[in-house]
Amino acid sequence: MGRIVAVGGSSAAIAYGLFCWFGKGWLEQQFNKQLERLKHDQQKEIEQLRHQINSLFSRVSKIHEKGV
């Protein structure tokens, strides 16, 4: 009976170790995908804001030119 528990326990430990190792890799891969998606979305938002700022600055510059 002790051998069965020892074999089963070591198999469980090996299975747990493999699960942790593969699980960690999968989690890191999912995290990296989500991080890249967030970086891409942030870059798009920055470009949109930059365009809005440049448009507003252009309008203000034209108003000042007409006033002078």
PDB file of N, CA and C in Angstrom:
ATOM      1  N   MET A   1       0.825  -1.192   0.000  1.00  0.00           N
ATOM      2  CA  MET A   1       0.000   0.000   0.000  1.00  0.00           C
ATOM      3  C   MET A   1       0.870   1.256   0.000  1.00  0.00           C
ATOM      4  N   GLY A   2       1.959   1.205   0.739  1.00  0.00           N
ATOM      5  CA  GLY A   2       2.864   2.340   0.809  1.00  0.00           C
ATOM      6  C   GLY A   2       3.500   2.644  -0.541  1.00  0.00           C
ATOM      7  N   ARG A   3       3.804   1.599  -1.303  1.00  0.00           N
ATOM      8  CA  ARG A   3       4.396   1.787  -2.635  1.00  0.00           C
ATOM      9  C   ARG A   3       3.398   2.457  -3.584  1.00  0.00           C
ATOM     10  N   ILE A   4       2.145   2.069  -3.486  1.00  0.00           N
ATOM     11  CA  ILE A   4       1.123   2.657  -4.353  1.00  0.00           C
ATOM     12  C   ILE A   4       0.997   4.147  -4.069  1.00  0.00           C
ATOM     13  N   VAL A   5       0.999   4.498  -2.790  1.00  0.00           N
ATOM     14  CA  VAL A   5       0.911   5.911  -2.407  1.00  0.00           C
ATOM     15  C   VAL A   5       2.162   6.647  -2.870  1.00  0.00           C
ATOM     16  N   ALA A   6       3.331   6.022  -2.729  1.00  0.00           N
ATOM     17  CA  ALA A   6       4.584   6.656  -3.139  1.00  0.00           C
ATOM     18  C   ALA A   6       4.617   6.869  -4.644  1.00  0.00           C
ATOM     19  N   VAL A   7       4.210   5.860  -5.406  1.00  0.00           N
ATOM     20  CA  VAL A   7       4.202   5.975  -6.863  1.00  0.00           C
ATOM     21  C   VAL A   7       3.152   6.995  -7.296  1.00  0.00           C
ATOM     22  N   GLY A   8       1.960   6.883  -6.709  1.00  0.00           N
ATOM     23  CA  GLY A   8       0.888   7.824  -7.041  1.00  0.00           C
ATOM     24  C   GLY A   8       1.243   9.246  -6.634  1.00  0.00           C
ATOM     25  N   GLY A   9       1.886   9.388  -5.504  1.00  0.00           N
ATOM     26  CA  GLY A   9       2.287  10.722  -5.030  1.00  0.00           C
ATOM     27  C   GLY A   9       3.350  11.335  -5.922  1.00  0.00           C
ATOM     28  N   SER A  10       4.318  10.507  -6.329  1.00  0.00           N
ATOM     29  CA  SER A  10       5.362  11.049  -7.204  1.00  0.00           C
ATOM     30  C   SER A  10       4.795  11.364  -8.586  1.00  0.00           C
ATOM     31  N   SER A  11       3.862  10.552  -9.057  1.00  0.00           N
ATOM     32  CA  SER A  11       3.220  10.845 -10.343  1.00  0.00           C
ATOM     33  C   SER A  11       2.415  12.137 -10.257  1.00  0.00           C
ATOM     34  N   ALA A  12       1.740  12.307  -9.150  1.00  0.00           N
ATOM     35  CA  ALA A  12       0.962  13.538  -8.952  1.00  0.00           C
ATOM     36  C   ALA A  12       1.893  14.747  -8.901  1.00  0.00           C
ATOM     37  N   ALA A  13       3.029  14.577  -8.245  1.00  0.00           N
ATOM     38  CA  ALA A  13       3.988  15.680  -8.154  1.00  0.00           C
ATOM     39  C   ALA A  13       4.545  16.028  -9.533  1.00  0.00           C
ATOM     40  N   ILE A  14       4.845  15.009 -10.313  1.00  0.00           N
ATOM     41  CA  ILE A  14       5.346  15.239 -11.672  1.00  0.00           C
ATOM     42  C   ILE A  14       4.271  15.913 -12.516  1.00  0.00           C
ATOM     43  N   ALA A  15       3.041  15.421 -12.419  1.00  0.00           N
ATOM     44  CA  ALA A  15       1.940  16.024 -13.182  1.00  0.00           C
ATOM     45  C   ALA A  15       1.740  17.470 -12.759  1.00  0.00           C
ATOM     46  N   TYR A  16       1.811  17.725 -11.458  1.00  0.00           N
ATOM     47  CA  TYR A  16       1.650  19.095 -10.956  1.00  0.00           C
ATOM     48  C   TYR A  16       2.779  19.988 -11.479  1.00  0.00           C
ATOM     49  N   GLY A  17       4.008  19.474 -11.473  1.00  0.00           N
ATOM     50  CA  GLY A  17       5.145  20.242 -11.984  1.00  0.00           C
ATOM     51  C   GLY A  17       4.995  20.576 -13.456  1.00  0.00           C
ATOM     52  N   LEU A  18       4.569  19.587 -14.246  1.00  0.00           N
ATOM     53  CA  LEU A  18       4.350  19.833 -15.670  1.00  0.00           C
ATOM     54  C   LEU A  18       3.227  20.839 -15.896  1.00  0.00           C
ATOM     55  N   PHE A  19       2.153  20.693 -15.116  1.00  0.00           N
ATOM     56  CA  PHE A  19       1.036  21.630 -15.230  1.00  0.00           C
ATOM     57  C   PHE A  19       1.491  23.052 -14.910  1.00  0.00           C
ATOM     58  N   CYS A  20       2.269  23.196 -13.848  1.00  0.00           N
ATOM     59  CA  CYS A  20       2.766  24.531 -13.475  1.00  0.00           C
ATOM     60  C   CYS A  20       3.668  25.089 -14.571  1.00  0.00           C
ATOM     61  N   TRP A  21       4.545  24.267 -15.113  1.00  0.00           N
ATOM     62  CA  TRP A  21       5.491  24.733 -16.122  1.00  0.00           C
ATOM     63  C   TRP A  21       4.758  25.155 -17.393  1.00  0.00           C
ATOM     64  N   PHE A  22       3.861  24.291 -17.896  1.00  0.00           N
ATOM     65  CA  PHE A  22       3.110  24.628 -19.109  1.00  0.00           C
ATOM     66  C   PHE A  22       2.124  25.752 -18.844  1.00  0.00           C
ATOM     67  N   GLY A  23       1.513  25.737 -17.670  1.00  0.00           N
ATOM     68  CA  GLY A  23       0.567  26.788 -17.314  1.00  0.00           C
ATOM     69  C   GLY A  23       1.246  28.141 -17.256  1.00  0.00           C
ATOM     70  N   LYS A  24       2.437  28.180 -16.700  1.00  0.00           N
ATOM     71  CA  LYS A  24       3.189  29.435 -16.607  1.00  0.00           C
ATOM     72  C   LYS A  24       3.507  29.968 -18.000  1.00  0.00           C
ATOM     73  N   GLY A  25       3.939  29.091 -18.889  1.00  0.00           N
ATOM     74  CA  GLY A  25       4.243  29.506 -20.265  1.00  0.00           C
ATOM     75  C   GLY A  25       3.007  30.029 -20.970  1.00  0.00           C
ATOM     76  N   TRP A  26       1.886  29.332 -20.775  1.00  0.00           N
ATOM     77  CA  TRP A  26       0.629  29.756 -21.405  1.00  0.00           C
ATOM     78  C   TRP A  26       0.188  31.106 -20.855  1.00  0.00           C
ATOM     79  N   LEU A  27       0.273  31.268 -19.531  1.00  0.00           N
ATOM     80  CA  LEU A  27      -0.114  32.546 -18.930  1.00  0.00           C
ATOM     81  C   LEU A  27       0.769  33.682 -19.432  1.00  0.00           C
ATOM     82  N   GLU A  28       2.065  33.447 -19.531  1.00  0.00           N
ATOM     83  CA  GLU A  28       2.968  34.482 -20.035  1.00  0.00           C
ATOM     84  C   GLU A  28       2.637  34.824 -21.479  1.00  0.00           C
ATOM     85  N   GLN A  29       2.312  33.811 -22.279  1.00  0.00           N
ATOM     86  CA  GLN A  29       1.960  34.056 -23.676  1.00  0.00           C
ATOM     87  C   GLN A  29       0.683  34.883 -23.766  1.00  0.00           C
ATOM     88  N   GLN A  30      -0.323  34.554 -22.968  1.00  0.00           N
ATOM     89  CA  GLN A  30      -1.569  35.311 -22.972  1.00  0.00           C
ATOM     90  C   GLN A  30      -1.341  36.735 -22.484  1.00  0.00           C
ATOM     91  N   PHE A  31      -0.527  36.894 -21.449  1.00  0.00           N
ATOM     92  CA  PHE A  31      -0.202  38.215 -20.931  1.00  0.00           C
ATOM     93  C   PHE A  31       0.497  39.049 -21.994  1.00  0.00           C
ATOM     94  N   ASN A  32       1.452  38.456 -22.696  1.00  0.00           N
ATOM     95  CA  ASN A  32       2.185  39.192 -23.733  1.00  0.00           C
ATOM     96  C   ASN A  32       1.275  39.599 -24.884  1.00  0.00           C
ATOM     97  N   LYS A  33       0.346  38.717 -25.270  1.00  0.00           N
ATOM     98  CA  LYS A  33      -0.607  39.068 -26.327  1.00  0.00           C
ATOM     99  C   LYS A  33      -1.466  40.252 -25.907  1.00  0.00           C
ATOM    100  N   GLN A  34      -1.969  40.191 -24.686  1.00  0.00           N
ATOM    101  CA  GLN A  34      -2.821  41.276 -24.203  1.00  0.00           C
ATOM    102  C   GLN A  34      -2.024  42.568 -24.061  1.00  0.00           C
ATOM    103  N   LEU A  35      -0.786  42.468 -23.611  1.00  0.00           N
ATOM    104  CA  LEU A  35       0.062  43.650 -23.477  1.00  0.00           C
ATOM    105  C   LEU A  35       0.317  44.296 -24.836  1.00  0.00           C
ATOM    106  N   GLU A  36       0.599  43.486 -25.856  1.00  0.00           N
ATOM    107  CA  GLU A  36       0.811  44.023 -27.200  1.00  0.00           C
ATOM    108  C   GLU A  36      -0.454  44.678 -27.737  1.00  0.00           C
ATOM    109  N   ARG A  37      -1.605  44.068 -27.470  1.00  0.00           N
ATOM    110  CA  ARG A  37      -2.880  44.643 -27.900  1.00  0.00           C
ATOM    111  C   ARG A  37      -3.111  45.996 -27.229  1.00  0.00           C
ATOM    112  N   LEU A  38      -2.811  46.076 -25.937  1.00  0.00           N
ATOM    113  CA  LEU A  38      -2.976  47.344 -25.216  1.00  0.00           C
ATOM    114  C   LEU A  38      -2.006  48.413 -25.719  1.00  0.00           C
ATOM    115  N   LYS A  39      -0.768  48.004 -26.000  1.00  0.00           N
ATOM    116  CA  LYS A  39       0.212  48.954 -26.544  1.00  0.00           C
ATOM    117  C   LYS A  39      -0.256  49.491 -27.893  1.00  0.00           C
ATOM    118  N   HIS A  40      -0.792  48.592 -28.733  1.00  0.00           N
ATOM    119  CA  HIS A  40      -1.275  48.999 -30.045  1.00  0.00           C
ATOM    120  C   HIS A  40      -2.448  49.978 -29.901  1.00  0.00           C
ATOM    121  N   ASP A  41      -3.392  49.643 -29.027  1.00  0.00           N
ATOM    122  CA  ASP A  41      -4.542  50.534 -28.807  1.00  0.00           C
ATOM    123  C   ASP A  41      -4.095  51.885 -28.263  1.00  0.00           C
ATOM    124  N   GLN A  42      -3.121  51.876 -27.385  1.00  0.00           N
ATOM    125  CA  GLN A  42      -2.608  53.130 -26.816  1.00  0.00           C
ATOM    126  C   GLN A  42      -1.937  53.971 -27.900  1.00  0.00           C
ATOM    127  N   GLN A  43      -1.169  53.331 -28.776  1.00  0.00           N
ATOM    128  CA  GLN A  43      -0.525  54.068 -29.873  1.00  0.00           C
ATOM    129  C   GLN A  43      -1.558  54.693 -30.798  1.00  0.00           C
ATOM    130  N   LYS A  44      -2.636  53.957 -31.094  1.00  0.00           N
ATOM    131  CA  LYS A  44      -3.703  54.499 -31.931  1.00  0.00           C
ATOM    132  C   LYS A  44      -4.329  55.718 -31.263  1.00  0.00           C
ATOM    133  N   GLU A  45      -4.581  55.616 -29.968  1.00  0.00           N
ATOM    134  CA  GLU A  45      -5.187  56.738 -29.244  1.00  0.00           C
ATOM    135  C   GLU A  45      -4.249  57.941 -29.213  1.00  0.00           C
ATOM    136  N   ILE A  46      -2.972  57.707 -29.029  1.00  0.00           N
ATOM    137  CA  ILE A  46      -1.990  58.800 -29.020  1.00  0.00           C
ATOM    138  C   ILE A  46      -1.974  59.492 -30.375  1.00  0.00           C
ATOM    139  N   GLU A  47      -1.999  58.715 -31.460  1.00  0.00           N
ATOM    140  CA  GLU A  47      -2.005  59.302 -32.802  1.00  0.00           C
ATOM    141  C   GLU A  47      -3.272  60.112 -33.044  1.00  0.00           C
ATOM    142  N   GLN A  48      -4.418  59.630 -32.577  1.00  0.00           N
ATOM    143  CA  GLN A  48      -5.658  60.378 -32.732  1.00  0.00           C
ATOM    144  C   GLN A  48      -5.602  61.688 -31.962  1.00  0.00           C
ATOM    145  N   LEU A  49      -5.096  61.643 -30.747  1.00  0.00           N
ATOM    146  CA  LEU A  49      -4.973  62.862 -29.941  1.00  0.00           C
ATOM    147  C   LEU A  49      -3.973  63.838 -30.560  1.00  0.00           C
ATOM    148  N   ARG A  50      -2.887  63.296 -31.072  1.00  0.00           N
ATOM    149  CA  ARG A  50      -1.882  64.151 -31.725  1.00  0.00           C
ATOM    150  C   ARG A  50      -2.500  64.859 -32.932  1.00  0.00           C
ATOM    151  N   HIS A  51      -3.312  64.126 -33.696  1.00  0.00           N
ATOM    152  CA  HIS A  51      -3.992  64.710 -34.851  1.00  0.00           C
ATOM    153  C   HIS A  51      -4.969  65.805 -34.406  1.00  0.00           C
ATOM    154  N   GLN A  52      -5.730  65.550 -33.346  1.00  0.00           N
ATOM    155  CA  GLN A  52      -6.665  66.548 -32.837  1.00  0.00           C
ATOM    156  C   GLN A  52      -5.937  67.804 -32.368  1.00  0.00           C
ATOM    157  N   ILE A  53      -4.842  67.617 -31.658  1.00  0.00           N
ATOM    158  CA  ILE A  53      -4.069  68.763 -31.163  1.00  0.00           C
ATOM    159  C   ILE A  53      -3.520  69.571 -32.330  1.00  0.00           C
ATOM    160  N   ASN A  54      -2.971  68.886 -33.333  1.00  0.00           N
ATOM    161  CA  ASN A  54      -2.435  69.592 -34.496  1.00  0.00           C
ATOM    162  C   ASN A  54      -3.531  70.340 -35.251  1.00  0.00           C
ATOM    163  N   SER A  55      -4.719  69.741 -35.338  1.00  0.00           N
ATOM    164  CA  SER A  55      -5.834  70.408 -36.016  1.00  0.00           C
ATOM    165  C   SER A  55      -6.241  71.668 -35.266  1.00  0.00           C
ATOM    166  N   LEU A  56      -6.346  71.556 -33.941  1.00  0.00           N
ATOM    167  CA  LEU A  56      -6.718  72.718 -33.134  1.00  0.00           C
ATOM    168  C   LEU A  56      -5.649  73.807 -33.216  1.00  0.00           C
ATOM    169  N   PHE A  57      -4.393  73.406 -33.164  1.00  0.00           N
ATOM    170  CA  PHE A  57      -3.310  74.373 -33.253  1.00  0.00           C
ATOM    171  C   PHE A  57      -3.320  75.068 -34.611  1.00  0.00           C
ATOM    172  N   SER A  58      -3.612  74.319 -35.662  1.00  0.00           N
ATOM    173  CA  SER A  58      -3.683  74.897 -36.998  1.00  0.00           C
ATOM    174  C   SER A  58      -4.799  75.925 -37.078  1.00  0.00           C
ATOM    175  N   ARG A  59      -5.954  75.613 -36.499  1.00  0.00           N
ATOM    176  CA  ARG A  59      -7.073  76.559 -36.499  1.00  0.00           C
ATOM    177  C   ARG A  59      -6.731  77.827 -35.733  1.00  0.00           C
ATOM    178  N   VAL A  60      -6.109  77.660 -34.593  1.00  0.00           N
ATOM    179  CA  VAL A  60      -5.733  78.830 -33.788  1.00  0.00           C
ATOM    180  C   VAL A  60      -4.716  79.673 -34.547  1.00  0.00           C
ATOM    181  N   SER A  61      -3.772  79.050 -35.203  1.00  0.00           N
ATOM    182  CA  SER A  61      -2.762  79.777 -35.975  1.00  0.00           C
ATOM    183  C   SER A  61      -3.426  80.568 -37.100  1.00  0.00           C
ATOM    184  N   LYS A  62      -4.404  79.972 -37.775  1.00  0.00           N
ATOM    185  CA  LYS A  62      -5.091  80.660 -38.874  1.00  0.00           C
ATOM    186  C   LYS A  62      -5.886  81.854 -38.324  1.00  0.00           C
ATOM    187  N   ILE A  63      -6.506  81.686 -37.184  1.00  0.00           N
ATOM    188  CA  ILE A  63      -7.265  82.793 -36.576  1.00  0.00           C
ATOM    189  C   ILE A  63      -6.322  83.936 -36.235  1.00  0.00           C
ATOM    190  N   HIS A  64      -5.172  83.638 -35.671  1.00  0.00           N
ATOM    191  CA  HIS A  64      -4.202  84.679 -35.322  1.00  0.00           C
ATOM    192  C   HIS A  64      -3.647  85.360 -36.570  1.00  0.00           C
ATOM    193  N   GLU A  65      -3.443  84.601 -37.645  1.00  0.00           N
ATOM    194  CA  GLU A  65      -2.940  85.190 -38.880  1.00  0.00           C
ATOM    195  C   GLU A  65      -3.956  86.161 -39.468  1.00  0.00           C
ATOM    196  N   LYS A  66      -5.235  85.811 -39.408  1.00  0.00           N
ATOM    197  CA  LYS A  66      -6.269  86.681 -39.939  1.00  0.00           C
ATOM    198  C   LYS A  66      -6.418  87.941 -39.098  1.00  0.00           C
ATOM    199  N   GLY A  67      -6.178  87.837 -37.799  1.00  0.00           N
ATOM    200  CA  GLY A  67      -6.325  88.973 -36.904  1.00  0.00           C
ATOM    201  C   GLY A  67      -5.196  89.977 -37.037  1.00  0.00           C
ATOM    202  N   VAL A  68      -4.070  89.544 -37.562  1.00  0.00           N
ATOM    203  CA  VAL A  68      -2.893  90.424 -37.649  1.00  0.00           C
ATOM    204  C   VAL A  68      -2.900  91.239 -38.886  1.00  0.00           C
TER     205      VAL A  68
END
